[in-house]
Amino acid sequence: SQVLRDRANSLRLICHSKAGFSYMLPEA
C-alpha cells in the first residue's frame, strides 16, 4: 500500500511492449 501511495502523484509513465515485458523495444 505504501508503494502505491508513493507512486500516486508520480509524473512518470512506463512504455513497454504490448506483448509483455519479456519482449524488447528498439532503443530508437
mmCIF file of all heavy atoms, coordinates in Angstrom:
data_MODEL
# 
_entry.id   MODEL 
# 
loop_
_atom_site.group_PDB 
_atom_site.id 
_atom_site.type_symbol 
_atom_site.label_atom_id 
_atom_site.label_alt_id 
_atom_site.label_comp_id 
_atom_site.label_asym_id 
_atom_site.label_entity_id 
_atom_site.label_seq_id 
_atom_site.pdbx_PDB_ins_code 
_atom_site.Cartn_x 
_atom_site.Cartn_y 
_atom_site.Cartn_z 
_atom_site.occupancy 
_atom_site.B_iso_or_equiv 
_atom_site.pdbx_formal_charge 
_atom_site.auth_seq_id 
_atom_site.auth_comp_id 
_atom_site.auth_asym_id 
_atom_site.auth_atom_id 
_atom_site.pdbx_PDB_model_num 
ATOM 1   N N   . SER A 1 1  ? 0.832  -1.209  0.000   1.00 0.00 ? 1  SER A N   1 
ATOM 2   C CA  . SER A 1 1  ? 0.000  0.000   0.000   1.00 0.00 ? 1  SER A CA  1 
ATOM 3   C C   . SER A 1 1  ? 0.858  1.248   0.000   1.00 0.00 ? 1  SER A C   1 
ATOM 4   O O   . SER A 1 1  ? 0.541  2.243   -0.649  1.00 0.00 ? 1  SER A O   1 
ATOM 5   C CB  . SER A 1 1  ? -0.934 -0.009  1.219   1.00 0.00 ? 1  SER A CB  1 
ATOM 6   O OG  . SER A 1 1  ? -1.796 -1.117  1.182   1.00 0.00 ? 1  SER A OG  1 
ATOM 7   N N   . GLN A 1 2  ? 1.979  1.204   0.728   1.00 0.00 ? 2  GLN A N   1 
ATOM 8   C CA  . GLN A 1 2  ? 2.877  2.344   0.761   1.00 0.00 ? 2  GLN A CA  1 
ATOM 9   C C   . GLN A 1 2  ? 3.498  2.599   -0.604  1.00 0.00 ? 2  GLN A C   1 
ATOM 10  O O   . GLN A 1 2  ? 3.679  3.744   -1.027  1.00 0.00 ? 2  GLN A O   1 
ATOM 11  C CB  . GLN A 1 2  ? 3.976  2.111   1.802   1.00 0.00 ? 2  GLN A CB  1 
ATOM 12  C CG  . GLN A 1 2  ? 4.942  3.270   1.958   1.00 0.00 ? 2  GLN A CG  1 
ATOM 13  C CD  . GLN A 1 2  ? 4.257  4.527   2.463   1.00 0.00 ? 2  GLN A CD  1 
ATOM 14  O OE1 . GLN A 1 2  ? 3.419  4.456   3.357   1.00 0.00 ? 2  GLN A OE1 1 
ATOM 15  N NE2 . GLN A 1 2  ? 4.600  5.664   1.889   1.00 0.00 ? 2  GLN A NE2 1 
ATOM 16  N N   . VAL A 1 3  ? 3.827  1.523   -1.306  1.00 0.00 ? 3  VAL A N   1 
ATOM 17  C CA  . VAL A 1 3  ? 4.380  1.660   -2.655  1.00 0.00 ? 3  VAL A CA  1 
ATOM 18  C C   . VAL A 1 3  ? 3.387  2.359   -3.570  1.00 0.00 ? 3  VAL A C   1 
ATOM 19  O O   . VAL A 1 3  ? 3.742  3.262   -4.345  1.00 0.00 ? 3  VAL A O   1 
ATOM 20  C CB  . VAL A 1 3  ? 4.761  0.282   -3.230  1.00 0.00 ? 3  VAL A CB  1 
ATOM 21  C CG1 . VAL A 1 3  ? 5.139  0.398   -4.699  1.00 0.00 ? 3  VAL A CG1 1 
ATOM 22  C CG2 . VAL A 1 3  ? 5.921  -0.310  -2.442  1.00 0.00 ? 3  VAL A CG2 1 
ATOM 23  N N   . LEU A 1 4  ? 2.112  1.970   -3.484  1.00 0.00 ? 4  LEU A N   1 
ATOM 24  C CA  . LEU A 1 4  ? 1.088  2.588   -4.327  1.00 0.00 ? 4  LEU A CA  1 
ATOM 25  C C   . LEU A 1 4  ? 0.887  4.056   -3.958  1.00 0.00 ? 4  LEU A C   1 
ATOM 26  O O   . LEU A 1 4  ? 0.712  4.907   -4.833  1.00 0.00 ? 4  LEU A O   1 
ATOM 27  C CB  . LEU A 1 4  ? -0.234 1.823   -4.186  1.00 0.00 ? 4  LEU A CB  1 
ATOM 28  C CG  . LEU A 1 4  ? -0.248 0.398   -4.743  1.00 0.00 ? 4  LEU A CG  1 
ATOM 29  C CD1 . LEU A 1 4  ? -1.595 -0.259  -4.486  1.00 0.00 ? 4  LEU A CD1 1 
ATOM 30  C CD2 . LEU A 1 4  ? 0.076  0.382   -6.224  1.00 0.00 ? 4  LEU A CD2 1 
ATOM 31  N N   . ARG A 1 5  ? 0.917  4.365   -2.671  1.00 0.00 ? 5  ARG A N   1 
ATOM 32  C CA  . ARG A 1 5  ? 0.746  5.763   -2.251  1.00 0.00 ? 5  ARG A CA  1 
ATOM 33  C C   . ARG A 1 5  ? 1.910  6.616   -2.727  1.00 0.00 ? 5  ARG A C   1 
ATOM 34  O O   . ARG A 1 5  ? 1.736  7.756   -3.142  1.00 0.00 ? 5  ARG A O   1 
ATOM 35  C CB  . ARG A 1 5  ? 0.618  5.839   -0.722  1.00 0.00 ? 5  ARG A CB  1 
ATOM 36  C CG  . ARG A 1 5  ? -0.714 5.377   -0.186  1.00 0.00 ? 5  ARG A CG  1 
ATOM 37  C CD  . ARG A 1 5  ? -0.894 5.822   1.246   1.00 0.00 ? 5  ARG A CD  1 
ATOM 38  N NE  . ARG A 1 5  ? 0.107  5.240   2.121   1.00 0.00 ? 5  ARG A NE  1 
ATOM 39  C CZ  . ARG A 1 5  ? -0.047 4.089   2.763   1.00 0.00 ? 5  ARG A CZ  1 
ATOM 40  N NH1 . ARG A 1 5  ? -1.163 3.388   2.605   1.00 0.00 ? 5  ARG A NH1 1 
ATOM 41  N NH2 . ARG A 1 5  ? 0.902  3.631   3.554   1.00 0.00 ? 5  ARG A NH2 1 
ATOM 42  N N   . ASP A 1 6  ? 3.110  6.051   -2.661  1.00 0.00 ? 6  ASP A N   1 
ATOM 43  C CA  . ASP A 1 6  ? 4.281  6.811   -3.085  1.00 0.00 ? 6  ASP A CA  1 
ATOM 44  C C   . ASP A 1 6  ? 4.255  7.120   -4.575  1.00 0.00 ? 6  ASP A C   1 
ATOM 45  O O   . ASP A 1 6  ? 4.810  8.123   -5.026  1.00 0.00 ? 6  ASP A O   1 
ATOM 46  C CB  . ASP A 1 6  ? 5.559  6.035   -2.752  1.00 0.00 ? 6  ASP A CB  1 
ATOM 47  C CG  . ASP A 1 6  ? 5.797  5.947   -1.254  1.00 0.00 ? 6  ASP A CG  1 
ATOM 48  O OD1 . ASP A 1 6  ? 5.172  6.741   -0.520  1.00 0.00 ? 6  ASP A OD1 1 
ATOM 49  O OD2 . ASP A 1 6  ? 6.574  5.074   -0.824  1.00 0.00 ? 6  ASP A OD2 1 
ATOM 50  N N   . ARG A 1 7  ? 3.631  6.241   -5.365  1.00 0.00 ? 7  ARG A N   1 
ATOM 51  C CA  . ARG A 1 7  ? 3.624  6.413   -6.812  1.00 0.00 ? 7  ARG A CA  1 
ATOM 52  C C   . ARG A 1 7  ? 2.382  7.137   -7.322  1.00 0.00 ? 7  ARG A C   1 
ATOM 53  O O   . ARG A 1 7  ? 2.250  7.392   -8.510  1.00 0.00 ? 7  ARG A O   1 
ATOM 54  C CB  . ARG A 1 7  ? 3.708  5.045   -7.503  1.00 0.00 ? 7  ARG A CB  1 
ATOM 55  C CG  . ARG A 1 7  ? 4.990  4.269   -7.188  1.00 0.00 ? 7  ARG A CG  1 
ATOM 56  C CD  . ARG A 1 7  ? 6.196  5.004   -7.744  1.00 0.00 ? 7  ARG A CD  1 
ATOM 57  N NE  . ARG A 1 7  ? 7.418  4.262   -7.513  1.00 0.00 ? 7  ARG A NE  1 
ATOM 58  C CZ  . ARG A 1 7  ? 8.226  4.441   -6.494  1.00 0.00 ? 7  ARG A CZ  1 
ATOM 59  N NH1 . ARG A 1 7  ? 7.947  5.351   -5.578  1.00 0.00 ? 7  ARG A NH1 1 
ATOM 60  N NH2 . ARG A 1 7  ? 9.331  3.725   -6.364  1.00 0.00 ? 7  ARG A NH2 1 
ATOM 61  N N   . ALA A 1 8  ? 1.441  7.474   -6.421  1.00 0.00 ? 8  ALA A N   1 
ATOM 62  C CA  . ALA A 1 8  ? 0.162  8.039   -6.853  1.00 0.00 ? 8  ALA A CA  1 
ATOM 63  C C   . ALA A 1 8  ? 0.333  9.379   -7.576  1.00 0.00 ? 8  ALA A C   1 
ATOM 64  O O   . ALA A 1 8  ? -0.375 9.671   -8.533  1.00 0.00 ? 8  ALA A O   1 
ATOM 65  C CB  . ALA A 1 8  ? -0.766 8.207   -5.652  1.00 0.00 ? 8  ALA A CB  1 
ATOM 66  N N   . ASN A 1 9  ? 1.273  10.206  -7.122  1.00 0.00 ? 9  ASN A N   1 
ATOM 67  C CA  . ASN A 1 9  ? 1.472  11.534  -7.709  1.00 0.00 ? 9  ASN A CA  1 
ATOM 68  C C   . ASN A 1 9  ? 2.688  11.591  -8.622  1.00 0.00 ? 9  ASN A C   1 
ATOM 69  O O   . ASN A 1 9  ? 3.203  12.675  -8.910  1.00 0.00 ? 9  ASN A O   1 
ATOM 70  C CB  . ASN A 1 9  ? 1.618  12.565  -6.584  1.00 0.00 ? 9  ASN A CB  1 
ATOM 71  C CG  . ASN A 1 9  ? 0.377  12.661  -5.716  1.00 0.00 ? 9  ASN A CG  1 
ATOM 72  O OD1 . ASN A 1 9  ? -0.739 12.598  -6.225  1.00 0.00 ? 9  ASN A OD1 1 
ATOM 73  N ND2 . ASN A 1 9  ? 0.573  12.789  -4.420  1.00 0.00 ? 9  ASN A ND2 1 
ATOM 74  N N   . SER A 1 10 ? 3.136  10.459  -9.096  1.00 0.00 ? 10 SER A N   1 
ATOM 75  C CA  . SER A 1 10 ? 4.319  10.429  -9.941  1.00 0.00 ? 10 SER A CA  1 
ATOM 76  C C   . SER A 1 10 ? 4.015  11.011  -11.317 1.00 0.00 ? 10 SER A C   1 
ATOM 77  O O   . SER A 1 10 ? 2.911  10.856  -11.860 1.00 0.00 ? 10 SER A O   1 
ATOM 78  C CB  . SER A 1 10 ? 4.815  8.985   -10.086 1.00 0.00 ? 10 SER A CB  1 
ATOM 79  O OG  . SER A 1 10 ? 5.872  8.916   -11.009 1.00 0.00 ? 10 SER A OG  1 
ATOM 80  N N   . LEU A 1 11 ? 5.004  11.689  -11.888 1.00 0.00 ? 11 LEU A N   1 
ATOM 81  C CA  . LEU A 1 11 ? 4.887  12.239  -13.241 1.00 0.00 ? 11 LEU A CA  1 
ATOM 82  C C   . LEU A 1 11 ? 5.561  11.328  -14.262 1.00 0.00 ? 11 LEU A C   1 
ATOM 83  O O   . LEU A 1 11 ? 5.846  11.752  -15.371 1.00 0.00 ? 11 LEU A O   1 
ATOM 84  C CB  . LEU A 1 11 ? 5.514  13.638  -13.292 1.00 0.00 ? 11 LEU A CB  1 
ATOM 85  C CG  . LEU A 1 11 ? 4.844  14.710  -12.425 1.00 0.00 ? 11 LEU A CG  1 
ATOM 86  C CD1 . LEU A 1 11 ? 5.601  16.028  -12.535 1.00 0.00 ? 11 LEU A CD1 1 
ATOM 87  C CD2 . LEU A 1 11 ? 3.384  14.894  -12.819 1.00 0.00 ? 11 LEU A CD2 1 
ATOM 88  N N   . ARG A 1 12 ? 5.788  10.079  -13.899 1.00 0.00 ? 12 ARG A N   1 
ATOM 89  C CA  . ARG A 1 12 ? 6.443  9.133   -14.792 1.00 0.00 ? 12 ARG A CA  1 
ATOM 90  C C   . ARG A 1 12 ? 5.430  8.178   -15.410 1.00 0.00 ? 12 ARG A C   1 
ATOM 91  O O   . ARG A 1 12 ? 4.507  7.711   -14.747 1.00 0.00 ? 12 ARG A O   1 
ATOM 92  C CB  . ARG A 1 12 ? 7.507  8.321   -14.039 1.00 0.00 ? 12 ARG A CB  1 
ATOM 93  C CG  . ARG A 1 12 ? 8.696  9.128   -13.574 1.00 0.00 ? 12 ARG A CG  1 
ATOM 94  C CD  . ARG A 1 12 ? 9.806  8.208   -13.107 1.00 0.00 ? 12 ARG A CD  1 
ATOM 95  N NE  . ARG A 1 12 ? 9.421  7.444   -11.933 1.00 0.00 ? 12 ARG A NE  1 
ATOM 96  C CZ  . ARG A 1 12 ? 9.867  7.693   -10.707 1.00 0.00 ? 12 ARG A CZ  1 
ATOM 97  N NH1 . ARG A 1 12 ? 10.690 8.696   -10.501 1.00 0.00 ? 12 ARG A NH1 1 
ATOM 98  N NH2 . ARG A 1 12 ? 9.500  6.950   -9.696  1.00 0.00 ? 12 ARG A NH2 1 
ATOM 99  N N   . LEU A 1 13 ? 5.649  7.898   -16.686 1.00 0.00 ? 13 LEU A N   1 
ATOM 100 C CA  . LEU A 1 13 ? 4.895  6.866   -17.388 1.00 0.00 ? 13 LEU A CA  1 
ATOM 101 C C   . LEU A 1 13 ? 5.856  5.752   -17.771 1.00 0.00 ? 13 LEU A C   1 
ATOM 102 O O   . LEU A 1 13 ? 7.063  5.960   -17.888 1.00 0.00 ? 13 LEU A O   1 
ATOM 103 C CB  . LEU A 1 13 ? 4.237  7.434   -18.647 1.00 0.00 ? 13 LEU A CB  1 
ATOM 104 C CG  . LEU A 1 13 ? 3.311  8.637   -18.481 1.00 0.00 ? 13 LEU A CG  1 
ATOM 105 C CD1 . LEU A 1 13 ? 2.788  9.084   -19.843 1.00 0.00 ? 13 LEU A CD1 1 
ATOM 106 C CD2 . LEU A 1 13 ? 2.157  8.313   -17.541 1.00 0.00 ? 13 LEU A CD2 1 
ATOM 107 N N   . ILE A 1 14 ? 5.318  4.565   -17.965 1.00 0.00 ? 14 ILE A N   1 
ATOM 108 C CA  . ILE A 1 14 ? 6.121  3.410   -18.362 1.00 0.00 ? 14 ILE A CA  1 
ATOM 109 C C   . ILE A 1 14 ? 5.622  2.921   -19.715 1.00 0.00 ? 14 ILE A C   1 
ATOM 110 O O   . ILE A 1 14 ? 4.457  2.574   -19.869 1.00 0.00 ? 14 ILE A O   1 
ATOM 111 C CB  . ILE A 1 14 ? 6.011  2.280   -17.325 1.00 0.00 ? 14 ILE A CB  1 
ATOM 112 C CG1 . ILE A 1 14 ? 6.451  2.785   -15.953 1.00 0.00 ? 14 ILE A CG1 1 
ATOM 113 C CG2 . ILE A 1 14 ? 6.857  1.075   -17.742 1.00 0.00 ? 14 ILE A CG2 1 
ATOM 114 C CD1 . ILE A 1 14 ? 6.219  1.798   -14.840 1.00 0.00 ? 14 ILE A CD1 1 
ATOM 115 N N   . CYS A 1 15 ? 6.519  2.923   -20.687 1.00 0.00 ? 15 CYS A N   1 
ATOM 116 C CA  . CYS A 1 15 ? 6.189  2.471   -22.040 1.00 0.00 ? 15 CYS A CA  1 
ATOM 117 C C   . CYS A 1 15 ? 6.913  1.151   -22.289 1.00 0.00 ? 15 CYS A C   1 
ATOM 118 O O   . CYS A 1 15 ? 8.142  1.091   -22.295 1.00 0.00 ? 15 CYS A O   1 
ATOM 119 C CB  . CYS A 1 15 ? 6.619  3.523   -23.067 1.00 0.00 ? 15 CYS A CB  1 
ATOM 120 S SG  . CYS A 1 15 ? 6.333  3.025   -24.794 1.00 0.00 ? 15 CYS A SG  1 
ATOM 121 N N   . HIS A 1 16 ? 6.148  0.082   -22.496 1.00 0.00 ? 16 HIS A N   1 
ATOM 122 C CA  . HIS A 1 16 ? 6.732  -1.240  -22.725 1.00 0.00 ? 16 HIS A CA  1 
ATOM 123 C C   . HIS A 1 16 ? 6.051  -1.910  -23.899 1.00 0.00 ? 16 HIS A C   1 
ATOM 124 O O   . HIS A 1 16 ? 5.068  -1.386  -24.472 1.00 0.00 ? 16 HIS A O   1 
ATOM 125 C CB  . HIS A 1 16 ? 6.594  -2.106  -21.467 1.00 0.00 ? 16 HIS A CB  1 
ATOM 126 C CG  . HIS A 1 16 ? 5.174  -2.288  -21.016 1.00 0.00 ? 16 HIS A CG  1 
ATOM 127 N ND1 . HIS A 1 16 ? 4.361  -3.300  -21.466 1.00 0.00 ? 16 HIS A ND1 1 
ATOM 128 C CD2 . HIS A 1 16 ? 4.406  -1.562  -20.141 1.00 0.00 ? 16 HIS A CD2 1 
ATOM 129 C CE1 . HIS A 1 16 ? 3.173  -3.221  -20.895 1.00 0.00 ? 16 HIS A CE1 1 
ATOM 130 N NE2 . HIS A 1 16 ? 3.164  -2.165  -20.087 1.00 0.00 ? 16 HIS A NE2 1 
ATOM 131 N N   . SER A 1 17 ? 6.533  -3.061  -24.271 1.00 0.00 ? 17 SER A N   1 
ATOM 132 C CA  . SER A 1 17 ? 5.954  -3.779  -25.403 1.00 0.00 ? 17 SER A CA  1 
ATOM 133 C C   . SER A 1 17 ? 4.531  -4.231  -25.078 1.00 0.00 ? 17 SER A C   1 
ATOM 134 O O   . SER A 1 17 ? 4.241  -4.655  -23.950 1.00 0.00 ? 17 SER A O   1 
ATOM 135 C CB  . SER A 1 17 ? 6.819  -4.992  -25.748 1.00 0.00 ? 17 SER A CB  1 
ATOM 136 O OG  . SER A 1 17 ? 6.183  -5.791  -26.728 1.00 0.00 ? 17 SER A OG  1 
ATOM 137 N N   . LYS A 1 18 ? 3.670  -4.139  -26.066 1.00 0.00 ? 18 LYS A N   1 
ATOM 138 C CA  . LYS A 1 18 ? 2.287  -4.559  -25.878 1.00 0.00 ? 18 LYS A CA  1 
ATOM 139 C C   . LYS A 1 18 ? 2.198  -6.058  -25.625 1.00 0.00 ? 18 LYS A C   1 
ATOM 140 O O   . LYS A 1 18 ? 1.265  -6.536  -24.979 1.00 0.00 ? 18 LYS A O   1 
ATOM 141 C CB  . LYS A 1 18 ? 1.463  -4.183  -27.118 1.00 0.00 ? 18 LYS A CB  1 
ATOM 142 C CG  . LYS A 1 18 ? -0.035 -4.309  -26.942 1.00 0.00 ? 18 LYS A CG  1 
ATOM 143 C CD  . LYS A 1 18 ? -0.779 -3.800  -28.162 1.00 0.00 ? 18 LYS A CD  1 
ATOM 144 C CE  . LYS A 1 18 ? -2.285 -3.854  -27.964 1.00 0.00 ? 18 LYS A CE  1 
ATOM 145 N NZ  . LYS A 1 18 ? -3.009 -3.334  -29.158 1.00 0.00 ? 18 LYS A NZ  1 
ATOM 146 N N   . ALA A 1 19 ? 3.180  -6.803  -26.079 1.00 0.00 ? 19 ALA A N   1 
ATOM 147 C CA  . ALA A 1 19 ? 3.182  -8.252  -25.900 1.00 0.00 ? 19 ALA A CA  1 
ATOM 148 C C   . ALA A 1 19 ? 3.626  -8.656  -24.500 1.00 0.00 ? 19 ALA A C   1 
ATOM 149 O O   . ALA A 1 19 ? 3.414  -9.797  -24.087 1.00 0.00 ? 19 ALA A O   1 
ATOM 150 C CB  . ALA A 1 19 ? 4.093  -8.901  -26.940 1.00 0.00 ? 19 ALA A CB  1 
ATOM 151 N N   . GLY A 1 20 ? 4.252  -7.751  -23.753 1.00 0.00 ? 20 GLY A N   1 
ATOM 152 C CA  . GLY A 1 20 ? 4.701  -8.063  -22.402 1.00 0.00 ? 20 GLY A CA  1 
ATOM 153 C C   . GLY A 1 20 ? 6.110  -7.561  -22.152 1.00 0.00 ? 20 GLY A C   1 
ATOM 154 O O   . GLY A 1 20 ? 6.826  -7.145  -23.062 1.00 0.00 ? 20 GLY A O   1 
ATOM 155 N N   . PHE A 1 21 ? 6.520  -7.630  -20.889 1.00 0.00 ? 21 PHE A N   1 
ATOM 156 C CA  . PHE A 1 21 ? 7.827  -7.100  -20.501 1.00 0.00 ? 21 PHE A CA  1 
ATOM 157 C C   . PHE A 1 21 ? 8.987  -7.942  -21.014 1.00 0.00 ? 21 PHE A C   1 
ATOM 158 O O   . PHE A 1 21 ? 10.112 -7.466  -21.084 1.00 0.00 ? 21 PHE A O   1 
ATOM 159 C CB  . PHE A 1 21 ? 7.920  -6.997  -18.977 1.00 0.00 ? 21 PHE A CB  1 
ATOM 160 C CG  . PHE A 1 21 ? 7.148  -5.839  -18.409 1.00 0.00 ? 21 PHE A CG  1 
ATOM 161 C CD1 . PHE A 1 21 ? 5.877  -6.029  -17.889 1.00 0.00 ? 21 PHE A CD1 1 
ATOM 162 C CD2 . PHE A 1 21 ? 7.682  -4.565  -18.403 1.00 0.00 ? 21 PHE A CD2 1 
ATOM 163 C CE1 . PHE A 1 21 ? 5.160  -4.972  -17.366 1.00 0.00 ? 21 PHE A CE1 1 
ATOM 164 C CE2 . PHE A 1 21 ? 6.970  -3.495  -17.882 1.00 0.00 ? 21 PHE A CE2 1 
ATOM 165 C CZ  . PHE A 1 21 ? 5.706  -3.695  -17.364 1.00 0.00 ? 21 PHE A CZ  1 
ATOM 166 N N   . SER A 1 22 ? 8.729  -9.183  -21.350 1.00 0.00 ? 22 SER A N   1 
ATOM 167 C CA  . SER A 1 22 ? 9.818  -10.025 -21.841 1.00 0.00 ? 22 SER A CA  1 
ATOM 168 C C   . SER A 1 22 ? 10.181 -9.704  -23.291 1.00 0.00 ? 22 SER A C   1 
ATOM 169 O O   . SER A 1 22 ? 11.201 -10.179 -23.790 1.00 0.00 ? 22 SER A O   1 
ATOM 170 C CB  . SER A 1 22 ? 9.438  -11.508 -21.713 1.00 0.00 ? 22 SER A CB  1 
ATOM 171 O OG  . SER A 1 22 ? 8.251  -11.789 -22.435 1.00 0.00 ? 22 SER A OG  1 
ATOM 172 N N   . TYR A 1 23 ? 9.356  -8.931  -23.955 1.00 0.00 ? 23 TYR A N   1 
ATOM 173 C CA  . TYR A 1 23 ? 9.629  -8.537  -25.343 1.00 0.00 ? 23 TYR A CA  1 
ATOM 174 C C   . TYR A 1 23 ? 10.311 -7.171  -25.340 1.00 0.00 ? 23 TYR A C   1 
ATOM 175 O O   . TYR A 1 23 ? 9.896  -6.255  -24.631 1.00 0.00 ? 23 TYR A O   1 
ATOM 176 C CB  . TYR A 1 23 ? 8.336  -8.491  -26.161 1.00 0.00 ? 23 TYR A CB  1 
ATOM 177 C CG  . TYR A 1 23 ? 7.703  -9.845  -26.352 1.00 0.00 ? 23 TYR A CG  1 
ATOM 178 C CD1 . TYR A 1 23 ? 6.840  -10.370 -25.396 1.00 0.00 ? 23 TYR A CD1 1 
ATOM 179 C CD2 . TYR A 1 23 ? 7.976  -10.610 -27.486 1.00 0.00 ? 23 TYR A CD2 1 
ATOM 180 C CE1 . TYR A 1 23 ? 6.264  -11.616 -25.548 1.00 0.00 ? 23 TYR A CE1 1 
ATOM 181 C CE2 . TYR A 1 23 ? 7.397  -11.866 -27.656 1.00 0.00 ? 23 TYR A CE2 1 
ATOM 182 C CZ  . TYR A 1 23 ? 6.546  -12.355 -26.686 1.00 0.00 ? 23 TYR A CZ  1 
ATOM 183 O OH  . TYR A 1 23 ? 5.981  -13.596 -26.845 1.00 0.00 ? 23 TYR A OH  1 
ATOM 184 N N   . MET A 1 24 ? 11.337 -7.038  -26.150 1.00 0.00 ? 24 MET A N   1 
ATOM 185 C CA  . MET A 1 24 ? 12.142 -5.825  -26.165 1.00 0.00 ? 24 MET A CA  1 
ATOM 186 C C   . MET A 1 24 ? 11.592 -4.792  -27.147 1.00 0.00 ? 24 MET A C   1 
ATOM 187 O O   . MET A 1 24 ? 10.866 -5.140  -28.098 1.00 0.00 ? 24 MET A O   1 
ATOM 188 C CB  . MET A 1 24 ? 13.592 -6.169  -26.530 1.00 0.00 ? 24 MET A CB  1 
ATOM 189 C CG  . MET A 1 24 ? 14.194 -7.285  -25.694 1.00 0.00 ? 24 MET A CG  1 
ATOM 190 S SD  . MET A 1 24 ? 14.344 -6.855  -23.941 1.00 0.00 ? 24 MET A SD  1 
ATOM 191 C CE  . MET A 1 24 ? 15.766 -5.762  -24.006 1.00 0.00 ? 24 MET A CE  1 
ATOM 192 N N   . LEU A 1 25 ? 11.962 -3.541  -26.902 1.00 0.00 ? 25 LEU A N   1 
ATOM 193 C CA  . LEU A 1 25 ? 11.609 -2.443  -27.796 1.00 0.00 ? 25 LEU A CA  1 
ATOM 194 C C   . LEU A 1 25 ? 12.888 -1.860  -28.402 1.00 0.00 ? 25 LEU A C   1 
ATOM 195 O O   . LEU A 1 25 ? 13.928 -1.835  -27.744 1.00 0.00 ? 25 LEU A O   1 
ATOM 196 C CB  . LEU A 1 25 ? 10.876 -1.337  -27.032 1.00 0.00 ? 25 LEU A CB  1 
ATOM 197 C CG  . LEU A 1 25 ? 9.476  -1.647  -26.514 1.00 0.00 ? 25 LEU A CG  1 
ATOM 198 C CD1 . LEU A 1 25 ? 8.966  -0.480  -25.672 1.00 0.00 ? 25 LEU A CD1 1 
ATOM 199 C CD2 . LEU A 1 25 ? 8.511  -1.948  -27.652 1.00 0.00 ? 25 LEU A CD2 1 
ATOM 200 N N   . PRO A 1 26 ? 12.823 -1.374  -29.636 1.00 0.00 ? 26 PRO A N   1 
ATOM 201 C CA  . PRO A 1 26 ? 14.014 -0.731  -30.236 1.00 0.00 ? 26 PRO A CA  1 
ATOM 202 C C   . PRO A 1 26 ? 14.370 0.537   -29.476 1.00 0.00 ? 26 PRO A C   1 
ATOM 203 O O   . PRO A 1 26 ? 13.495 1.336   -29.132 1.00 0.00 ? 26 PRO A O   1 
ATOM 204 C CB  . PRO A 1 26 ? 13.561 -0.415  -31.665 1.00 0.00 ? 26 PRO A CB  1 
ATOM 205 C CG  . PRO A 1 26 ? 12.379 -1.290  -31.911 1.00 0.00 ? 26 PRO A CG  1 
ATOM 206 C CD  . PRO A 1 26 ? 11.700 -1.465  -30.583 1.00 0.00 ? 26 PRO A CD  1 
ATOM 207 N N   . GLU A 1 27 ? 15.646 0.748   -29.198 1.00 0.00 ? 27 GLU A N   1 
ATOM 208 C CA  . GLU A 1 27 ? 16.057 1.953   -28.476 1.00 0.00 ? 27 GLU A CA  1 
ATOM 209 C C   . GLU A 1 27 ? 15.827 3.219   -29.307 1.00 0.00 ? 27 GLU A C   1 
ATOM 210 O O   . GLU A 1 27 ? 15.779 4.326   -28.768 1.00 0.00 ? 27 GLU A O   1 
ATOM 211 C CB  . GLU A 1 27 ? 17.529 1.853   -28.075 1.00 0.00 ? 27 GLU A CB  1 
ATOM 212 C CG  . GLU A 1 27 ? 18.500 1.795   -29.233 1.00 0.00 ? 27 GLU A CG  1 
ATOM 213 C CD  . GLU A 1 27 ? 19.949 1.734   -28.776 1.00 0.00 ? 27 GLU A CD  1 
ATOM 214 O OE1 . GLU A 1 27 ? 20.202 1.490   -27.581 1.00 0.00 ? 27 GLU A OE1 1 
ATOM 215 O OE2 . GLU A 1 27 ? 20.834 1.942   -29.626 1.00 0.00 ? 27 GLU A OE2 1 
ATOM 216 N N   . ALA A 1 28 ? 15.616 3.061   -30.621 1.00 0.00 ? 28 ALA A N   1 
ATOM 217 C CA  . ALA A 1 28 ? 15.339 4.213   -31.482 1.00 0.00 ? 28 ALA A CA  1 
ATOM 218 C C   . ALA A 1 28 ? 13.986 4.849   -31.164 1.00 0.00 ? 28 ALA A C   1 
ATOM 219 O O   . ALA A 1 28 ? 13.735 6.009   -31.527 1.00 0.00 ? 28 ALA A O   1 
ATOM 220 C CB  . ALA A 1 28 ? 15.379 3.792   -32.950 1.00 0.00 ? 28 ALA A CB  1 
# 
